[in-house]
Amino acid sequence: MHLEIRGAEKLSFREKQAVVLKEMGYNHEAIAKQMGVNTTTVATLLSRARAKGYEAVIIIPTSLGLFRDENEEEG
């Protein structure tokens, strides 16, 4: 699996940092600590990124076996 941030080219460097950390599962406090800013700044960065319309997409390879092949019979 990997994470793809669509529309990342519209984001500032700091917005990208905040978005990537958020999409990796970090909360605002952890993002703030990692970036060396306060949680209000994190909220502002994420709000600006959302307004610019980024989209996070998880790419799941079929080789993981999470999905049944449509051609397989149930059994």
PDB file of N, CA and C in Angstrom:
ATOM      1  N   MET A   1       0.845  -1.186   0.000  1.00  0.00           N
ATOM      2  CA  MET A   1       0.000   0.000   0.000  1.00  0.00           C
ATOM      3  C   MET A   1       0.884   1.240   0.000  1.00  0.00           C
ATOM      4  N   HIS A   2       0.383   2.262  -0.617  1.00  0.00           N
ATOM      5  CA  HIS A   2       1.033   3.549  -0.473  1.00  0.00           C
ATOM      6  C   HIS A   2      -0.004   4.656  -0.548  1.00  0.00           C
ATOM      7  N   LEU A   3       0.383   5.795  -0.012  1.00  0.00           N
ATOM      8  CA  LEU A   3      -0.500   6.943   0.060  1.00  0.00           C
ATOM      9  C   LEU A   3      -0.125   7.927  -1.041  1.00  0.00           C
ATOM     10  N   GLU A   4      -1.120   8.395  -1.758  1.00  0.00           N
ATOM     11  CA  GLU A   4      -0.906   9.392  -2.798  1.00  0.00           C
ATOM     12  C   GLU A   4      -1.690  10.636  -2.422  1.00  0.00           C
ATOM     13  N   ILE A   5      -1.016  11.783  -2.453  1.00  0.00           N
ATOM     14  CA  ILE A   5      -1.678  13.059  -2.185  1.00  0.00           C
ATOM     15  C   ILE A   5      -1.904  13.749  -3.522  1.00  0.00           C
ATOM     16  N   ARG A   6      -3.134  13.745  -3.969  1.00  0.00           N
ATOM     17  CA  ARG A   6      -3.465  14.401  -5.233  1.00  0.00           C
ATOM     18  C   ARG A   6      -3.733  15.879  -4.970  1.00  0.00           C
ATOM     19  N   GLY A   7      -3.209  16.719  -5.846  1.00  0.00           N
ATOM     20  CA  GLY A   7      -3.342  18.159  -5.667  1.00  0.00           C
ATOM     21  C   GLY A   7      -2.252  18.740  -4.783  1.00  0.00           C
ATOM     22  N   ALA A   8      -1.237  17.928  -4.458  1.00  0.00           N
ATOM     23  CA  ALA A   8      -0.155  18.390  -3.581  1.00  0.00           C
ATOM     24  C   ALA A   8       0.608  19.566  -4.173  1.00  0.00           C
ATOM     25  N   GLU A   9       0.607  19.670  -5.499  1.00  0.00           N
ATOM     26  CA  GLU A   9       1.334  20.771  -6.139  1.00  0.00           C
ATOM     27  C   GLU A   9       0.733  22.130  -5.791  1.00  0.00           C
ATOM     28  N   LYS A  10      -0.507  22.133  -5.303  1.00  0.00           N
ATOM     29  CA  LYS A  10      -1.166  23.387  -4.920  1.00  0.00           C
ATOM     30  C   LYS A  10      -0.786  23.827  -3.506  1.00  0.00           C
ATOM     31  N   LEU A  11      -0.187  22.913  -2.738  1.00  0.00           N
ATOM     32  CA  LEU A  11       0.085  23.170  -1.330  1.00  0.00           C
ATOM     33  C   LEU A  11       1.474  23.753  -1.112  1.00  0.00           C
ATOM     34  N   SER A  12       1.592  24.567  -0.065  1.00  0.00           N
ATOM     35  CA  SER A  12       2.908  25.061   0.333  1.00  0.00           C
ATOM     36  C   SER A  12       3.685  23.905   0.962  1.00  0.00           C
ATOM     37  N   PHE A  13       4.995  24.106   1.125  1.00  0.00           N
ATOM     38  CA  PHE A  13       5.824  23.076   1.739  1.00  0.00           C
ATOM     39  C   PHE A  13       5.304  22.687   3.124  1.00  0.00           C
ATOM     40  N   ARG A  14       4.973  23.678   3.953  1.00  0.00           N
ATOM     41  CA  ARG A  14       4.502  23.405   5.323  1.00  0.00           C
ATOM     42  C   ARG A  14       3.128  22.728   5.309  1.00  0.00           C
ATOM     43  N   GLU A  15       2.256  23.124   4.391  1.00  0.00           N
ATOM     44  CA  GLU A  15       0.956  22.463   4.262  1.00  0.00           C
ATOM     45  C   GLU A  15       1.151  21.000   3.895  1.00  0.00           C
ATOM     46  N   LYS A  16       2.071  20.716   2.966  1.00  0.00           N
ATOM     47  CA  LYS A  16       2.356  19.330   2.590  1.00  0.00           C
ATOM     48  C   LYS A  16       2.849  18.529   3.781  1.00  0.00           C
ATOM     49  N   GLN A  17       3.742  19.124   4.563  1.00  0.00           N
ATOM     50  CA  GLN A  17       4.243  18.431   5.749  1.00  0.00           C
ATOM     51  C   GLN A  17       3.093  18.054   6.678  1.00  0.00           C
ATOM     52  N   ALA A  18       2.245  19.009   6.966  1.00  0.00           N
ATOM     53  CA  ALA A  18       1.125  18.771   7.878  1.00  0.00           C
ATOM     54  C   ALA A  18       0.168  17.721   7.328  1.00  0.00           C
ATOM     55  N   VAL A  19      -0.132  17.811   6.038  1.00  0.00           N
ATOM     56  CA  VAL A  19      -1.053  16.857   5.410  1.00  0.00           C
ATOM     57  C   VAL A  19      -0.487  15.437   5.448  1.00  0.00           C
ATOM     58  N   VAL A  20       0.781  15.291   5.095  1.00  0.00           N
ATOM     59  CA  VAL A  20       1.382  13.958   5.090  1.00  0.00           C
ATOM     60  C   VAL A  20       1.350  13.350   6.488  1.00  0.00           C
ATOM     61  N   LEU A  21       1.712  14.133   7.492  1.00  0.00           N
ATOM     62  CA  LEU A  21       1.685  13.621   8.857  1.00  0.00           C
ATOM     63  C   LEU A  21       0.259  13.261   9.288  1.00  0.00           C
ATOM     64  N   LYS A  22      -0.707  14.106   8.924  1.00  0.00           N
ATOM     65  CA  LYS A  22      -2.112  13.825   9.258  1.00  0.00           C
ATOM     66  C   LYS A  22      -2.567  12.528   8.602  1.00  0.00           C
ATOM     67  N   GLU A  23      -2.261  12.371   7.332  1.00  0.00           N
ATOM     68  CA  GLU A  23      -2.703  11.187   6.600  1.00  0.00           C
ATOM     69  C   GLU A  23      -1.967   9.924   7.048  1.00  0.00           C
ATOM     70  N   MET A  24      -0.832  10.095   7.715  1.00  0.00           N
ATOM     71  CA  MET A  24      -0.113   8.959   8.296  1.00  0.00           C
ATOM     72  C   MET A  24      -0.690   8.579   9.659  1.00  0.00           C
ATOM     73  N   GLY A  25      -1.667   9.365  10.132  1.00  0.00           N
ATOM     74  CA  GLY A  25      -2.350   9.026  11.374  1.00  0.00           C
ATOM     75  C   GLY A  25      -1.948   9.828  12.594  1.00  0.00           C
ATOM     76  N   TYR A  26      -1.089  10.814  12.430  1.00  0.00           N
ATOM     77  CA  TYR A  26      -0.674  11.641  13.562  1.00  0.00           C
ATOM     78  C   TYR A  26      -1.792  12.608  13.947  1.00  0.00           C
ATOM     79  N   ASN A  27      -1.931  12.868  15.251  1.00  0.00           N
ATOM     80  CA  ASN A  27      -2.910  13.857  15.695  1.00  0.00           C
ATOM     81  C   ASN A  27      -2.271  15.241  15.674  1.00  0.00           C
ATOM     82  N   HIS A  28      -3.071  16.272  15.926  1.00  0.00           N
ATOM     83  CA  HIS A  28      -2.584  17.646  15.849  1.00  0.00           C
ATOM     84  C   HIS A  28      -1.393  17.890  16.779  1.00  0.00           C
ATOM     85  N   GLU A  29      -1.449  17.316  17.980  1.00  0.00           N
ATOM     86  CA  GLU A  29      -0.368  17.525  18.942  1.00  0.00           C
ATOM     87  C   GLU A  29       0.941  16.921  18.433  1.00  0.00           C
ATOM     88  N   ALA A  30       0.869  15.721  17.883  1.00  0.00           N
ATOM     89  CA  ALA A  30       2.064  15.050  17.371  1.00  0.00           C
ATOM     90  C   ALA A  30       2.616  15.780  16.141  1.00  0.00           C
ATOM     91  N   ILE A  31       1.726  16.265  15.291  1.00  0.00           N
ATOM     92  CA  ILE A  31       2.152  17.026  14.112  1.00  0.00           C
ATOM     93  C   ILE A  31       2.859  18.300  14.564  1.00  0.00           C
ATOM     94  N   ALA A  32       2.280  18.986  15.528  1.00  0.00           N
ATOM     95  CA  ALA A  32       2.871  20.222  16.040  1.00  0.00           C
ATOM     96  C   ALA A  32       4.268  19.972  16.589  1.00  0.00           C
ATOM     97  N   LYS A  33       4.415  18.914  17.354  1.00  0.00           N
ATOM     98  CA  LYS A  33       5.720  18.581  17.932  1.00  0.00           C
ATOM     99  C   LYS A  33       6.727  18.274  16.824  1.00  0.00           C
ATOM    100  N   GLN A  34       6.319  17.483  15.852  1.00  0.00           N
ATOM    101  CA  GLN A  34       7.204  17.103  14.744  1.00  0.00           C
ATOM    102  C   GLN A  34       7.647  18.316  13.930  1.00  0.00           C
ATOM    103  N   MET A  35       6.716  19.248  13.710  1.00  0.00           N
ATOM    104  CA  MET A  35       6.998  20.417  12.878  1.00  0.00           C
ATOM    105  C   MET A  35       7.581  21.589  13.667  1.00  0.00           C
ATOM    106  N   GLY A  36       7.547  21.517  14.995  1.00  0.00           N
ATOM    107  CA  GLY A  36       8.072  22.606  15.815  1.00  0.00           C
ATOM    108  C   GLY A  36       7.180  23.838  15.828  1.00  0.00           C
ATOM    109  N   VAL A  37       5.861  23.604  15.761  1.00  0.00           N
ATOM    110  CA  VAL A  37       4.883  24.698  15.785  1.00  0.00           C
ATOM    111  C   VAL A  37       3.824  24.367  16.829  1.00  0.00           C
ATOM    112  N   ASN A  38       2.868  25.269  17.035  1.00  0.00           N
ATOM    113  CA  ASN A  38       1.796  24.957  17.979  1.00  0.00           C
ATOM    114  C   ASN A  38       0.602  24.338  17.246  1.00  0.00           C
ATOM    115  N   THR A  39      -0.343  23.807  18.005  1.00  0.00           N
ATOM    116  CA  THR A  39      -1.482  23.105  17.404  1.00  0.00           C
ATOM    117  C   THR A  39      -2.393  24.041  16.610  1.00  0.00           C
ATOM    118  N   THR A  40      -2.430  25.313  16.982  1.00  0.00           N
ATOM    119  CA  THR A  40      -3.222  26.278  16.222  1.00  0.00           C
ATOM    120  C   THR A  40      -2.658  26.436  14.818  1.00  0.00           C
ATOM    121  N   THR A  41      -1.343  26.453  14.710  1.00  0.00           N
ATOM    122  CA  THR A  41      -0.693  26.550  13.403  1.00  0.00           C
ATOM    123  C   THR A  41      -0.993  25.312  12.570  1.00  0.00           C
ATOM    124  N   VAL A  42      -0.968  24.152  13.196  1.00  0.00           N
ATOM    125  CA  VAL A  42      -1.294  22.902  12.496  1.00  0.00           C
ATOM    126  C   VAL A  42      -2.714  22.980  11.953  1.00  0.00           C
ATOM    127  N   ALA A  43      -3.649  23.394  12.781  1.00  0.00           N
ATOM    128  CA  ALA A  43      -5.043  23.511  12.343  1.00  0.00           C
ATOM    129  C   ALA A  43      -5.171  24.472  11.171  1.00  0.00           C
ATOM    130  N   THR A  44      -4.439  25.584  11.216  1.00  0.00           N
ATOM    131  CA  THR A  44      -4.465  26.556  10.122  1.00  0.00           C
ATOM    132  C   THR A  44      -3.901  25.954   8.845  1.00  0.00           C
ATOM    133  N   LEU A  45      -2.757  25.267   8.943  1.00  0.00           N
ATOM    134  CA  LEU A  45      -2.145  24.640   7.768  1.00  0.00           C
ATOM    135  C   LEU A  45      -3.077  23.621   7.131  1.00  0.00           C
ATOM    136  N   LEU A  46      -3.701  22.786   7.960  1.00  0.00           N
ATOM    137  CA  LEU A  46      -4.611  21.766   7.441  1.00  0.00           C
ATOM    138  C   LEU A  46      -5.867  22.384   6.841  1.00  0.00           C
ATOM    139  N   SER A  47      -6.354  23.450   7.449  1.00  0.00           N
ATOM    140  CA  SER A  47      -7.529  24.147   6.918  1.00  0.00           C
ATOM    141  C   SER A  47      -7.223  24.757   5.552  1.00  0.00           C
ATOM    142  N   ARG A  48      -6.056  25.375   5.433  1.00  0.00           N
ATOM    143  CA  ARG A  48      -5.656  25.963   4.147  1.00  0.00           C
ATOM    144  C   ARG A  48      -5.493  24.877   3.084  1.00  0.00           C
ATOM    145  N   ALA A  49      -4.917  23.737   3.485  1.00  0.00           N
ATOM    146  CA  ALA A  49      -4.724  22.626   2.539  1.00  0.00           C
ATOM    147  C   ALA A  49      -6.070  22.092   2.056  1.00  0.00           C
ATOM    148  N   ARG A  50      -7.026  21.943   2.981  1.00  0.00           N
ATOM    149  CA  ARG A  50      -8.367  21.472   2.587  1.00  0.00           C
ATOM    150  C   ARG A  50      -9.023  22.450   1.625  1.00  0.00           C
ATOM    151  N   ALA A  51      -8.848  23.746   1.881  1.00  0.00           N
ATOM    152  CA  ALA A  51      -9.442  24.768   1.020  1.00  0.00           C
ATOM    153  C   ALA A  51      -8.856  24.718  -0.391  1.00  0.00           C
ATOM    154  N   LYS A  52      -7.615  24.250  -0.509  1.00  0.00           N
ATOM    155  CA  LYS A  52      -6.971  24.143  -1.816  1.00  0.00           C
ATOM    156  C   LYS A  52      -7.355  22.845  -2.528  1.00  0.00           C
ATOM    157  N   GLY A  53      -8.083  21.975  -1.832  1.00  0.00           N
ATOM    158  CA  GLY A  53      -8.663  20.805  -2.475  1.00  0.00           C
ATOM    159  C   GLY A  53      -7.762  19.606  -2.675  1.00  0.00           C
ATOM    160  N   TYR A  54      -6.829  19.356  -1.743  1.00  0.00           N
ATOM    161  CA  TYR A  54      -6.028  18.144  -1.881  1.00  0.00           C
ATOM    162  C   TYR A  54      -6.899  16.918  -1.632  1.00  0.00           C
ATOM    163  N   GLU A  55      -6.447  15.785  -2.095  1.00  0.00           N
ATOM    164  CA  GLU A  55      -7.190  14.534  -1.905  1.00  0.00           C
ATOM    165  C   GLU A  55      -6.171  13.436  -1.583  1.00  0.00           C
ATOM    166  N   ALA A  56      -6.395  12.732  -0.487  1.00  0.00           N
ATOM    167  CA  ALA A  56      -5.528  11.619  -0.107  1.00  0.00           C
ATOM    168  C   ALA A  56      -6.143  10.327  -0.625  1.00  0.00           C
ATOM    169  N   VAL A  57      -5.331   9.538  -1.320  1.00  0.00           N
ATOM    170  CA  VAL A  57      -5.800   8.284  -1.904  1.00  0.00           C
ATOM    171  C   VAL A  57      -4.849   7.183  -1.477  1.00  0.00           C
ATOM    172  N   ILE A  58      -5.401   6.093  -0.966  1.00  0.00           N
ATOM    173  CA  ILE A  58      -4.589   4.934  -0.610  1.00  0.00           C
ATOM    174  C   ILE A  58      -4.628   3.964  -1.779  1.00  0.00           C
ATOM    175  N   ILE A  59      -3.462   3.589  -2.274  1.00  0.00           N
ATOM    176  CA  ILE A  59      -3.341   2.645  -3.382  1.00  0.00           C
ATOM    177  C   ILE A  59      -3.065   1.267  -2.776  1.00  0.00           C
ATOM    178  N   ILE A  60      -3.982   0.339  -2.999  1.00  0.00           N
ATOM    179  CA  ILE A  60      -3.862  -1.013  -2.455  1.00  0.00           C
ATOM    180  C   ILE A  60      -3.620  -1.980  -3.602  1.00  0.00           C
ATOM    181  N   PRO A  61      -2.431  -2.595  -3.650  1.00  0.00           N
ATOM    182  CA  PRO A  61      -2.165  -3.543  -4.738  1.00  0.00           C
ATOM    183  C   PRO A  61      -3.021  -4.800  -4.593  1.00  0.00           C
ATOM    184  N   THR A  62      -3.437  -5.346  -5.702  1.00  0.00           N
ATOM    185  CA  THR A  62      -4.259  -6.558  -5.671  1.00  0.00           C
ATOM    186  C   THR A  62      -3.470  -7.744  -5.129  1.00  0.00           C
ATOM    187  N   SER A  63      -2.151  -7.686  -5.172  1.00  0.00           N
ATOM    188  CA  SER A  63      -1.326  -8.792  -4.683  1.00  0.00           C
ATOM    189  C   SER A  63      -1.471  -9.022  -3.184  1.00  0.00           C
ATOM    190  N   LEU A  64      -2.082  -8.090  -2.467  1.00  0.00           N
ATOM    191  CA  LEU A  64      -2.295  -8.284  -1.030  1.00  0.00           C
ATOM    192  C   LEU A  64      -3.389  -9.304  -0.750  1.00  0.00           C
ATOM    193  N   GLY A  65      -4.195  -9.611  -1.745  1.00  0.00           N
ATOM    194  CA  GLY A  65      -5.252 -10.602  -1.575  1.00  0.00           C
ATOM    195  C   GLY A  65      -6.424 -10.120  -0.741  1.00  0.00           C
ATOM    196  N   LEU A  66      -6.636  -8.839  -0.682  1.00  0.00           N
ATOM    197  CA  LEU A  66      -7.743  -8.300   0.113  1.00  0.00           C
ATOM    198  C   LEU A  66      -9.088  -8.414  -0.583  1.00  0.00           C
ATOM    199  N   PHE A  67      -9.034  -8.573  -1.891  1.00  0.00           N
ATOM    200  CA  PHE A  67     -10.280  -8.608  -2.662  1.00  0.00           C
ATOM    201  C   PHE A  67     -10.366  -9.906  -3.436  1.00  0.00           C
ATOM    202  N   ARG A  68     -11.567 -10.454  -3.493  1.00  0.00           N
ATOM    203  CA  ARG A  68     -11.805 -11.694  -4.215  1.00  0.00           C
ATOM    204  C   ARG A  68     -11.885 -11.390  -5.706  1.00  0.00           C
ATOM    205  N   ASP A  69     -11.257 -12.223  -6.512  1.00  0.00           N
ATOM    206  CA  ASP A  69     -11.307 -12.077  -7.962  1.00  0.00           C
ATOM    207  C   ASP A  69     -12.751 -12.299  -8.416  1.00  0.00           C
ATOM    208  N   GLU A  70     -13.265 -11.427  -9.258  1.00  0.00           N
ATOM    209  CA  GLU A  70     -14.647 -11.535  -9.745  1.00  0.00           C
ATOM    210  C   GLU A  70     -14.904 -12.829 -10.463  1.00  0.00           C
ATOM    211  N   ASN A  71     -13.870 -13.432 -11.048  1.00  0.00           N
ATOM    212  CA  ASN A  71     -14.031 -14.668 -11.813  1.00  0.00           C
ATOM    213  C   ASN A  71     -14.000 -15.918 -10.942  1.00  0.00           C
ATOM    214  N   GLU A  72     -13.632 -15.754  -9.657  1.00  0.00           N
ATOM    215  CA  GLU A  72     -13.597 -16.909  -8.765  1.00  0.00           C
ATOM    216  C   GLU A  72     -15.006 -17.285  -8.343  1.00  0.00           C
ATOM    217  N   GLU A  73     -15.242 -18.566  -8.184  1.00  0.00           N
ATOM    218  CA  GLU A  73     -16.541 -19.024  -7.696  1.00  0.00           C
ATOM    219  C   GLU A  73     -16.521 -18.996  -6.192  1.00  0.00           C
ATOM    220  N   GLU A  74     -17.675 -18.683  -5.611  1.00  0.00           N
ATOM    221  CA  GLU A  74     -17.774 -18.712  -4.148  1.00  0.00           C
ATOM    222  C   GLU A  74     -17.772 -20.152  -3.717  1.00  0.00           C
ATOM    223  N   GLY A  75     -17.132 -20.395  -2.573  1.00  0.00           N
ATOM    224  CA  GLY A  75     -17.113 -21.780  -2.154  1.00  0.00           C
ATOM    225  C   GLY A  75     -16.688 -21.854  -0.787  1.00  0.00           C
TER     226      GLY A  75
END
